[in-house]
N, C-alpha and C. Protein backbone atom coordinates (compact mmCIF):
# COMPACT_ATOMS: atom_id res chain seq x y z
N MET A 1 18.54 23.92 -22.04
CA MET A 1 17.57 24.18 -20.99
C MET A 1 16.94 22.86 -20.54
N VAL A 2 16.90 22.66 -19.25
CA VAL A 2 16.33 21.46 -18.69
C VAL A 2 14.96 21.80 -18.11
N ASN A 3 13.95 21.03 -18.51
CA ASN A 3 12.60 21.27 -18.09
C ASN A 3 12.23 20.25 -17.01
N ILE A 4 12.34 20.66 -15.76
CA ILE A 4 11.97 19.77 -14.66
C ILE A 4 10.88 20.44 -13.85
N ARG A 5 9.75 19.78 -13.77
CA ARG A 5 8.65 20.29 -12.95
C ARG A 5 8.30 19.26 -11.90
N VAL A 6 8.30 19.66 -10.67
CA VAL A 6 7.98 18.76 -9.57
C VAL A 6 6.54 19.06 -9.14
N PRO A 7 5.71 18.04 -8.99
CA PRO A 7 4.32 18.27 -8.61
C PRO A 7 4.22 19.00 -7.26
N ILE A 8 3.29 19.91 -7.19
CA ILE A 8 3.11 20.68 -5.97
C ILE A 8 2.33 19.89 -4.94
N HIS A 9 1.31 19.16 -5.38
CA HIS A 9 0.47 18.42 -4.41
C HIS A 9 0.87 16.95 -4.39
N CYS A 10 1.57 16.54 -3.37
CA CYS A 10 2.01 15.17 -3.26
C CYS A 10 1.75 14.71 -1.84
N ILE A 11 1.62 13.39 -1.69
CA ILE A 11 1.54 12.77 -0.37
C ILE A 11 2.82 11.94 -0.20
N THR A 12 3.52 12.15 0.85
CA THR A 12 4.76 11.41 1.09
C THR A 12 4.61 10.51 2.28
N ILE A 13 4.97 9.24 2.10
CA ILE A 13 4.95 8.25 3.18
C ILE A 13 6.36 7.70 3.30
N VAL A 14 6.93 7.71 4.49
CA VAL A 14 8.28 7.18 4.70
C VAL A 14 8.18 5.95 5.53
N LEU A 15 8.84 4.89 5.09
CA LEU A 15 8.78 3.58 5.79
C LEU A 15 10.22 3.04 5.91
N PRO A 16 10.65 2.75 7.15
CA PRO A 16 11.93 2.06 7.29
C PRO A 16 11.88 0.72 6.58
N GLN A 17 12.96 0.39 5.85
CA GLN A 17 12.95 -0.84 5.04
C GLN A 17 12.77 -2.10 5.87
N LYS A 18 13.28 -2.10 7.10
CA LYS A 18 13.27 -3.35 7.90
C LYS A 18 12.11 -3.34 8.91
N GLN A 19 11.19 -2.43 8.76
CA GLN A 19 10.05 -2.37 9.69
C GLN A 19 9.11 -3.53 9.50
N THR A 20 8.53 -4.05 10.57
CA THR A 20 7.56 -5.11 10.51
C THR A 20 6.30 -4.62 9.80
N MET A 21 5.74 -5.42 8.93
CA MET A 21 4.55 -5.03 8.22
C MET A 21 3.38 -4.86 9.19
N GLN A 22 2.75 -3.68 9.19
CA GLN A 22 1.68 -3.45 10.10
C GLN A 22 0.34 -3.25 9.39
N ASN A 23 0.33 -2.76 8.18
CA ASN A 23 -0.94 -2.57 7.53
C ASN A 23 -0.79 -2.70 6.02
N ASN A 24 -1.85 -2.51 5.29
CA ASN A 24 -1.87 -2.70 3.85
C ASN A 24 -0.94 -1.71 3.16
N THR A 25 -0.84 -0.47 3.65
CA THR A 25 0.03 0.51 3.03
C THR A 25 1.48 0.05 3.12
N ASP A 26 1.89 -0.45 4.29
CA ASP A 26 3.24 -0.96 4.45
C ASP A 26 3.51 -2.12 3.49
N LYS A 27 2.55 -3.01 3.37
CA LYS A 27 2.69 -4.17 2.46
C LYS A 27 2.83 -3.72 1.01
N GLN A 28 2.02 -2.69 0.62
CA GLN A 28 2.07 -2.21 -0.74
C GLN A 28 3.40 -1.54 -1.04
N ILE A 29 3.90 -0.77 -0.08
CA ILE A 29 5.22 -0.12 -0.27
C ILE A 29 6.31 -1.20 -0.43
N SER A 30 6.20 -2.24 0.37
CA SER A 30 7.21 -3.33 0.29
C SER A 30 7.14 -4.03 -1.05
N LEU A 31 5.94 -4.34 -1.53
CA LEU A 31 5.78 -4.98 -2.83
C LEU A 31 6.27 -4.05 -3.96
N ASP A 32 5.86 -2.78 -3.87
CA ASP A 32 6.31 -1.81 -4.90
C ASP A 32 7.81 -1.70 -4.93
N SER A 33 8.42 -1.68 -3.78
CA SER A 33 9.89 -1.59 -3.69
C SER A 33 10.56 -2.80 -4.34
N ARG A 34 10.03 -3.99 -4.09
CA ARG A 34 10.59 -5.19 -4.65
C ARG A 34 10.47 -5.22 -6.18
N TYR A 35 9.27 -4.89 -6.68
CA TYR A 35 9.01 -4.92 -8.12
C TYR A 35 9.88 -3.87 -8.83
N LEU A 36 10.04 -2.69 -8.20
CA LEU A 36 10.87 -1.64 -8.80
C LEU A 36 12.33 -2.06 -8.83
N ARG A 37 12.79 -2.77 -7.79
CA ARG A 37 14.17 -3.30 -7.84
C ARG A 37 14.31 -4.31 -8.98
N MET A 38 13.28 -5.11 -9.21
CA MET A 38 13.31 -6.08 -10.33
C MET A 38 13.44 -5.31 -11.67
N ALA A 39 12.71 -4.22 -11.82
CA ALA A 39 12.79 -3.41 -13.02
C ALA A 39 14.18 -2.83 -13.16
N GLN A 40 14.81 -2.43 -12.04
CA GLN A 40 16.16 -1.88 -12.11
C GLN A 40 17.16 -2.97 -12.55
N ILE A 41 16.99 -4.17 -12.09
CA ILE A 41 17.84 -5.27 -12.52
C ILE A 41 17.61 -5.57 -14.02
N TRP A 42 16.33 -5.51 -14.44
CA TRP A 42 16.03 -5.79 -15.86
C TRP A 42 16.64 -4.73 -16.77
N ALA A 43 16.77 -3.49 -16.26
CA ALA A 43 17.38 -2.42 -17.04
C ALA A 43 18.82 -2.76 -17.44
N GLU A 44 19.49 -3.60 -16.67
CA GLU A 44 20.86 -3.98 -16.96
C GLU A 44 20.97 -4.75 -18.28
N ASN A 45 19.85 -5.23 -18.83
CA ASN A 45 19.87 -5.92 -20.12
C ASN A 45 20.03 -4.96 -21.29
N SER A 46 19.79 -3.69 -21.06
CA SER A 46 19.83 -2.70 -22.13
C SER A 46 21.25 -2.48 -22.63
N TYR A 47 21.39 -2.31 -23.97
CA TYR A 47 22.66 -2.01 -24.55
C TYR A 47 22.90 -0.52 -24.66
N CYS A 48 21.92 0.26 -24.26
CA CYS A 48 22.03 1.73 -24.36
C CYS A 48 23.09 2.23 -23.38
N LYS A 49 23.90 3.17 -23.81
CA LYS A 49 24.99 3.69 -22.99
C LYS A 49 24.50 4.91 -22.13
N ARG A 50 23.68 5.76 -22.73
CA ARG A 50 23.29 7.00 -22.07
C ARG A 50 22.36 6.75 -20.87
N ARG A 51 21.45 5.87 -21.02
CA ARG A 51 20.48 5.59 -19.95
C ARG A 51 19.92 4.19 -20.15
N GLN A 52 19.97 3.40 -19.10
CA GLN A 52 19.37 2.06 -19.12
C GLN A 52 18.09 2.12 -18.30
N VAL A 53 17.00 1.76 -18.93
CA VAL A 53 15.68 1.80 -18.27
C VAL A 53 15.06 0.39 -18.35
N GLY A 54 14.46 -0.01 -17.25
CA GLY A 54 13.75 -1.29 -17.22
C GLY A 54 12.31 -1.10 -16.79
N ALA A 55 11.44 -2.01 -17.23
CA ALA A 55 10.03 -1.95 -16.87
C ALA A 55 9.46 -3.36 -16.72
N ILE A 56 8.56 -3.51 -15.78
CA ILE A 56 7.79 -4.74 -15.68
C ILE A 56 6.32 -4.38 -15.47
N ILE A 57 5.46 -5.25 -15.96
CA ILE A 57 4.03 -5.08 -15.79
C ILE A 57 3.55 -6.19 -14.86
N VAL A 58 2.86 -5.81 -13.80
CA VAL A 58 2.39 -6.75 -12.79
C VAL A 58 0.89 -6.67 -12.68
N LYS A 59 0.25 -7.86 -12.66
CA LYS A 59 -1.20 -7.94 -12.50
C LYS A 59 -1.49 -9.09 -11.52
N ASP A 60 -2.26 -8.83 -10.51
CA ASP A 60 -2.60 -9.83 -9.50
C ASP A 60 -1.33 -10.49 -8.93
N LYS A 61 -0.34 -9.66 -8.63
CA LYS A 61 0.92 -10.11 -8.05
C LYS A 61 1.71 -11.07 -8.93
N MET A 62 1.45 -11.03 -10.25
CA MET A 62 2.21 -11.83 -11.21
C MET A 62 2.84 -10.90 -12.26
N ILE A 63 4.08 -11.14 -12.57
CA ILE A 63 4.70 -10.39 -13.63
C ILE A 63 4.18 -10.95 -14.97
N ILE A 64 3.52 -10.09 -15.74
CA ILE A 64 2.98 -10.53 -17.02
C ILE A 64 3.78 -10.05 -18.22
N SER A 65 4.71 -9.12 -18.00
CA SER A 65 5.54 -8.67 -19.10
C SER A 65 6.72 -7.87 -18.54
N ASP A 66 7.74 -7.74 -19.36
CA ASP A 66 8.92 -6.99 -18.98
C ASP A 66 9.50 -6.29 -20.23
N GLY A 67 10.33 -5.34 -20.04
CA GLY A 67 10.95 -4.67 -21.17
C GLY A 67 12.12 -3.80 -20.71
N TYR A 68 12.96 -3.44 -21.63
CA TYR A 68 14.05 -2.50 -21.40
C TYR A 68 14.25 -1.73 -22.65
N ASN A 69 14.91 -0.56 -22.54
CA ASN A 69 15.08 0.26 -23.76
C ASN A 69 16.13 -0.39 -24.65
N GLY A 70 15.88 -0.32 -25.94
CA GLY A 70 16.78 -0.89 -26.90
C GLY A 70 16.22 -0.83 -28.31
N THR A 71 16.92 -1.45 -29.21
CA THR A 71 16.55 -1.39 -30.63
C THR A 71 15.50 -2.46 -30.94
N PRO A 72 14.73 -2.29 -32.01
CA PRO A 72 13.73 -3.29 -32.40
C PRO A 72 14.39 -4.63 -32.79
N VAL A 73 13.63 -5.67 -32.75
CA VAL A 73 14.09 -7.02 -33.10
C VAL A 73 14.70 -6.96 -34.51
N GLY A 74 15.86 -7.58 -34.64
CA GLY A 74 16.52 -7.66 -35.94
C GLY A 74 17.50 -6.51 -36.21
N PHE A 75 17.51 -5.50 -35.36
CA PHE A 75 18.44 -4.37 -35.51
C PHE A 75 19.69 -4.64 -34.69
N GLU A 76 20.78 -3.95 -35.04
CA GLU A 76 22.00 -4.07 -34.24
C GLU A 76 21.72 -3.46 -32.85
N ASN A 77 22.37 -4.00 -31.83
CA ASN A 77 22.14 -3.55 -30.47
C ASN A 77 22.99 -2.31 -30.15
N ILE A 78 22.84 -1.27 -30.93
CA ILE A 78 23.57 -0.02 -30.71
C ILE A 78 22.50 1.07 -30.66
N CYS A 79 22.38 1.70 -29.51
CA CYS A 79 21.30 2.66 -29.29
C CYS A 79 21.70 4.10 -29.65
N GLU A 80 22.99 4.40 -29.65
CA GLU A 80 23.44 5.76 -29.88
C GLU A 80 24.20 5.89 -31.19
N ASP A 81 24.12 7.05 -31.82
CA ASP A 81 24.88 7.29 -33.05
C ASP A 81 26.29 7.73 -32.71
N ASP A 82 27.05 8.12 -33.72
CA ASP A 82 28.45 8.53 -33.50
C ASP A 82 28.58 9.79 -32.69
N ASN A 83 27.50 10.59 -32.60
CA ASN A 83 27.53 11.82 -31.79
C ASN A 83 26.93 11.60 -30.41
N ASP A 84 26.74 10.34 -30.03
CA ASP A 84 26.19 9.98 -28.72
C ASP A 84 24.73 10.39 -28.55
N HIS A 85 24.01 10.55 -29.62
CA HIS A 85 22.57 10.81 -29.55
C HIS A 85 21.80 9.52 -29.74
N THR A 86 20.70 9.37 -29.03
CA THR A 86 19.90 8.17 -29.16
C THR A 86 19.27 8.12 -30.54
N LYS A 87 19.41 6.96 -31.18
CA LYS A 87 18.83 6.77 -32.50
C LYS A 87 17.31 6.84 -32.40
N PRO A 88 16.67 7.41 -33.43
CA PRO A 88 15.22 7.66 -33.35
C PRO A 88 14.34 6.40 -33.27
N TYR A 89 14.86 5.27 -33.63
CA TYR A 89 14.04 4.06 -33.61
C TYR A 89 14.23 3.23 -32.34
N VAL A 90 14.99 3.72 -31.39
CA VAL A 90 15.17 3.01 -30.13
C VAL A 90 13.84 2.98 -29.34
N LEU A 91 13.42 1.81 -28.88
CA LEU A 91 12.18 1.69 -28.11
C LEU A 91 12.43 1.90 -26.63
N HIS A 92 11.47 2.53 -26.00
CA HIS A 92 11.57 2.75 -24.54
C HIS A 92 11.15 1.45 -23.82
N ALA A 93 11.55 1.29 -22.60
CA ALA A 93 11.26 0.09 -21.81
C ALA A 93 9.77 -0.15 -21.70
N GLU A 94 8.99 0.92 -21.47
CA GLU A 94 7.56 0.80 -21.30
C GLU A 94 6.94 0.29 -22.61
N ALA A 95 7.37 0.84 -23.72
CA ALA A 95 6.84 0.43 -25.02
C ALA A 95 7.15 -1.05 -25.29
N ASN A 96 8.36 -1.47 -24.95
CA ASN A 96 8.74 -2.88 -25.12
C ASN A 96 7.86 -3.80 -24.25
N ALA A 97 7.63 -3.42 -23.01
CA ALA A 97 6.81 -4.24 -22.11
C ALA A 97 5.36 -4.30 -22.60
N ILE A 98 4.83 -3.17 -23.02
CA ILE A 98 3.42 -3.12 -23.48
C ILE A 98 3.25 -3.92 -24.77
N THR A 99 4.15 -3.78 -25.72
CA THR A 99 4.03 -4.56 -26.98
C THR A 99 4.23 -6.04 -26.74
N LYS A 100 5.07 -6.37 -25.76
CA LYS A 100 5.28 -7.81 -25.46
C LYS A 100 4.01 -8.42 -24.85
N VAL A 101 3.37 -7.72 -23.96
CA VAL A 101 2.13 -8.24 -23.36
C VAL A 101 1.02 -8.29 -24.42
N ALA A 102 1.05 -7.37 -25.38
CA ALA A 102 0.05 -7.39 -26.47
C ALA A 102 0.19 -8.62 -27.33
N GLN A 103 1.37 -9.20 -27.44
CA GLN A 103 1.62 -10.40 -28.23
C GLN A 103 1.33 -11.67 -27.46
N SER A 104 1.01 -11.55 -26.16
CA SER A 104 0.76 -12.72 -25.34
C SER A 104 -0.76 -12.91 -25.16
N ASN A 105 -1.11 -13.89 -24.36
CA ASN A 105 -2.51 -14.12 -24.00
C ASN A 105 -2.94 -13.31 -22.78
N ASN A 106 -2.07 -12.49 -22.22
CA ASN A 106 -2.36 -11.69 -21.04
C ASN A 106 -2.98 -10.35 -21.45
N SER A 107 -3.64 -9.73 -20.46
CA SER A 107 -4.17 -8.40 -20.66
C SER A 107 -3.57 -7.49 -19.60
N SER A 108 -3.16 -6.29 -20.03
CA SER A 108 -2.61 -5.32 -19.05
C SER A 108 -3.67 -4.44 -18.43
N SER A 109 -4.93 -4.72 -18.72
CA SER A 109 -6.02 -3.92 -18.16
C SER A 109 -6.04 -4.09 -16.63
N GLY A 110 -5.95 -2.95 -15.95
CA GLY A 110 -5.96 -2.94 -14.48
C GLY A 110 -4.61 -3.24 -13.83
N ALA A 111 -3.56 -3.39 -14.64
CA ALA A 111 -2.22 -3.77 -14.12
C ALA A 111 -1.47 -2.55 -13.61
N THR A 112 -0.32 -2.84 -12.96
CA THR A 112 0.63 -1.83 -12.53
C THR A 112 1.89 -1.93 -13.35
N LEU A 113 2.41 -0.78 -13.80
CA LEU A 113 3.68 -0.73 -14.50
C LEU A 113 4.74 -0.17 -13.56
N TYR A 114 5.81 -0.95 -13.41
CA TYR A 114 6.98 -0.51 -12.62
C TYR A 114 8.05 -0.14 -13.62
N VAL A 115 8.57 1.07 -13.54
CA VAL A 115 9.58 1.53 -14.50
C VAL A 115 10.61 2.39 -13.76
N THR A 116 11.87 2.21 -14.13
CA THR A 116 12.93 2.87 -13.39
C THR A 116 12.94 4.38 -13.54
N THR A 117 12.45 4.89 -14.66
CA THR A 117 12.36 6.34 -14.94
C THR A 117 10.93 6.66 -15.33
N SER A 118 10.41 7.81 -14.92
CA SER A 118 9.04 8.18 -15.23
C SER A 118 8.82 8.20 -16.75
N PRO A 119 7.63 7.82 -17.20
CA PRO A 119 7.38 7.70 -18.64
C PRO A 119 7.39 9.07 -19.36
N CYS A 120 7.82 9.06 -20.61
CA CYS A 120 7.71 10.22 -21.48
C CYS A 120 6.26 10.32 -21.96
N ILE A 121 5.96 11.35 -22.69
CA ILE A 121 4.58 11.55 -23.13
C ILE A 121 4.13 10.46 -24.12
N GLU A 122 5.03 10.00 -25.01
CA GLU A 122 4.64 8.97 -25.99
C GLU A 122 4.36 7.65 -25.27
N CYS A 123 5.16 7.27 -24.29
CA CYS A 123 4.89 6.03 -23.54
C CYS A 123 3.65 6.18 -22.69
N SER A 124 3.41 7.38 -22.19
CA SER A 124 2.21 7.61 -21.38
C SER A 124 0.95 7.38 -22.19
N LYS A 125 0.97 7.74 -23.48
CA LYS A 125 -0.18 7.48 -24.34
C LYS A 125 -0.42 5.98 -24.45
N LEU A 126 0.67 5.21 -24.63
CA LEU A 126 0.56 3.75 -24.70
C LEU A 126 0.03 3.17 -23.40
N ILE A 127 0.50 3.70 -22.30
CA ILE A 127 0.06 3.23 -20.97
C ILE A 127 -1.47 3.43 -20.81
N ILE A 128 -1.94 4.61 -21.18
CA ILE A 128 -3.36 4.94 -21.09
C ILE A 128 -4.17 3.97 -21.95
N GLN A 129 -3.75 3.78 -23.19
CA GLN A 129 -4.46 2.93 -24.12
C GLN A 129 -4.44 1.44 -23.75
N SER A 130 -3.39 1.02 -23.02
CA SER A 130 -3.25 -0.39 -22.66
C SER A 130 -4.07 -0.77 -21.43
N GLY A 131 -4.67 0.21 -20.75
CA GLY A 131 -5.51 -0.08 -19.59
C GLY A 131 -4.76 -0.18 -18.30
N ILE A 132 -3.45 0.12 -18.28
CA ILE A 132 -2.72 0.12 -17.03
C ILE A 132 -3.27 1.22 -16.11
N LYS A 133 -3.48 0.90 -14.85
CA LYS A 133 -4.14 1.78 -13.92
C LYS A 133 -3.21 2.43 -12.90
N ARG A 134 -1.96 1.98 -12.84
CA ARG A 134 -1.04 2.48 -11.82
C ARG A 134 0.38 2.38 -12.38
N VAL A 135 1.16 3.48 -12.10
CA VAL A 135 2.56 3.52 -12.56
C VAL A 135 3.43 3.86 -11.36
N VAL A 136 4.43 3.03 -11.10
CA VAL A 136 5.39 3.25 -10.02
C VAL A 136 6.76 3.42 -10.66
N PHE A 137 7.45 4.52 -10.33
CA PHE A 137 8.74 4.77 -10.93
C PHE A 137 9.73 5.22 -9.89
N GLY A 138 11.03 5.14 -10.28
CA GLY A 138 12.10 5.48 -9.32
C GLY A 138 12.52 6.93 -9.43
N GLU A 139 12.83 7.40 -10.62
CA GLU A 139 13.32 8.79 -10.78
C GLU A 139 12.52 9.45 -11.89
N TYR A 140 12.49 10.78 -11.84
CA TYR A 140 11.83 11.54 -12.86
C TYR A 140 12.68 11.61 -14.12
N TYR A 141 12.01 11.50 -15.27
CA TYR A 141 12.64 11.82 -16.57
C TYR A 141 12.79 13.33 -16.60
N ARG A 142 13.70 13.83 -17.41
CA ARG A 142 13.98 15.27 -17.43
C ARG A 142 12.78 16.09 -17.82
N ILE A 143 11.84 15.54 -18.56
CA ILE A 143 10.62 16.24 -18.94
C ILE A 143 9.47 15.45 -18.31
N THR A 144 8.61 16.15 -17.59
CA THR A 144 7.58 15.46 -16.77
C THR A 144 6.17 15.48 -17.39
N ASP A 145 6.07 15.86 -18.65
CA ASP A 145 4.72 15.93 -19.25
C ASP A 145 4.06 14.58 -19.33
N GLY A 146 4.82 13.51 -19.37
CA GLY A 146 4.24 12.17 -19.39
C GLY A 146 3.46 11.88 -18.10
N VAL A 147 4.04 12.20 -16.96
CA VAL A 147 3.36 11.99 -15.68
C VAL A 147 2.13 12.87 -15.60
N GLU A 148 2.22 14.09 -16.10
CA GLU A 148 1.07 14.97 -16.09
C GLU A 148 -0.09 14.41 -16.91
N LEU A 149 0.24 13.83 -18.04
CA LEU A 149 -0.80 13.22 -18.88
C LEU A 149 -1.43 12.02 -18.20
N LEU A 150 -0.60 11.18 -17.55
CA LEU A 150 -1.12 10.02 -16.82
C LEU A 150 -2.08 10.48 -15.72
N LYS A 151 -1.74 11.51 -14.98
CA LYS A 151 -2.60 12.02 -13.94
C LYS A 151 -3.92 12.53 -14.53
N ARG A 152 -3.82 13.21 -15.64
CA ARG A 152 -5.05 13.74 -16.30
C ARG A 152 -5.95 12.58 -16.70
N ALA A 153 -5.39 11.44 -17.03
CA ALA A 153 -6.17 10.26 -17.42
C ALA A 153 -6.66 9.46 -16.24
N GLY A 154 -6.32 9.90 -15.02
CA GLY A 154 -6.80 9.20 -13.82
C GLY A 154 -5.94 8.00 -13.41
N ILE A 155 -4.75 7.95 -13.94
CA ILE A 155 -3.85 6.83 -13.60
C ILE A 155 -3.04 7.23 -12.37
N GLU A 156 -3.01 6.34 -11.38
CA GLU A 156 -2.26 6.61 -10.16
C GLU A 156 -0.77 6.57 -10.47
N CYS A 157 -0.05 7.62 -10.06
CA CYS A 157 1.42 7.69 -10.27
C CYS A 157 2.08 7.78 -8.91
N VAL A 158 3.11 6.91 -8.73
CA VAL A 158 3.81 6.86 -7.44
C VAL A 158 5.31 6.88 -7.73
N GLN A 159 6.03 7.74 -7.02
CA GLN A 159 7.48 7.71 -7.08
C GLN A 159 7.99 7.08 -5.79
N LEU A 160 8.89 6.10 -5.92
CA LEU A 160 9.55 5.46 -4.79
C LEU A 160 11.01 5.91 -4.78
N LYS A 161 11.45 6.41 -3.64
CA LYS A 161 12.83 6.79 -3.47
C LYS A 161 13.41 6.03 -2.28
N THR A 162 14.62 5.52 -2.41
CA THR A 162 15.30 4.90 -1.29
C THR A 162 16.30 5.92 -0.77
N ILE A 163 16.12 6.26 0.52
CA ILE A 163 16.97 7.23 1.19
C ILE A 163 17.50 6.56 2.43
N GLY A 164 18.77 6.18 2.40
CA GLY A 164 19.36 5.48 3.53
C GLY A 164 18.64 4.14 3.76
N ASP A 165 18.09 3.93 4.96
CA ASP A 165 17.35 2.75 5.30
C ASP A 165 15.85 2.89 5.09
N ASN A 166 15.45 3.99 4.49
CA ASN A 166 14.03 4.27 4.32
C ASN A 166 13.60 4.20 2.86
N VAL A 167 12.38 3.82 2.61
CA VAL A 167 11.75 3.91 1.30
C VAL A 167 10.70 5.04 1.41
N GLU A 168 10.81 6.03 0.57
CA GLU A 168 9.89 7.14 0.54
C GLU A 168 8.92 6.92 -0.63
N MET A 169 7.65 6.94 -0.33
CA MET A 169 6.62 6.77 -1.35
C MET A 169 5.94 8.10 -1.54
N VAL A 170 5.99 8.65 -2.78
CA VAL A 170 5.37 9.92 -3.09
C VAL A 170 4.21 9.63 -4.07
N ILE A 171 2.98 9.84 -3.61
CA ILE A 171 1.83 9.66 -4.47
C ILE A 171 1.57 10.99 -5.16
N ILE A 172 1.65 10.97 -6.44
CA ILE A 172 1.58 12.22 -7.22
C ILE A 172 0.18 12.49 -7.68
């Protein structure tokens, strides 16, 4: 059984990719699109076969952390077992980015997280506790309770979809 719930109340903004910047919303969509593409490229670093996810944390237009799904430091870079199930100790991209920024001199308070797939509930708890105020993602994870928790905590959630020459921004 697949549990997919799509939010009923959304605002959708469609912007042609090559349109001249006219206002702050257009500029934000353009920045969001670029940072999300960077997270998609970062996902290529993952050794996971089933799903490669990338994340970056941006504050004041600076990337302060990045992460991708994979095994903890010192473990073999094999994410799935012999039955093609994800091993229980594999870290999600968001968790890797948040723990990396925690080890630095940076603060994620007030930052934006760009992640290729919407966060699960466990990563959403970390996002809330880390002070991240905005999450931009490309596609929904099969279970959407993480996004619902973020919304309950007052964190802005945005889905960006590229459709042909357009970028669609869905504010959830």
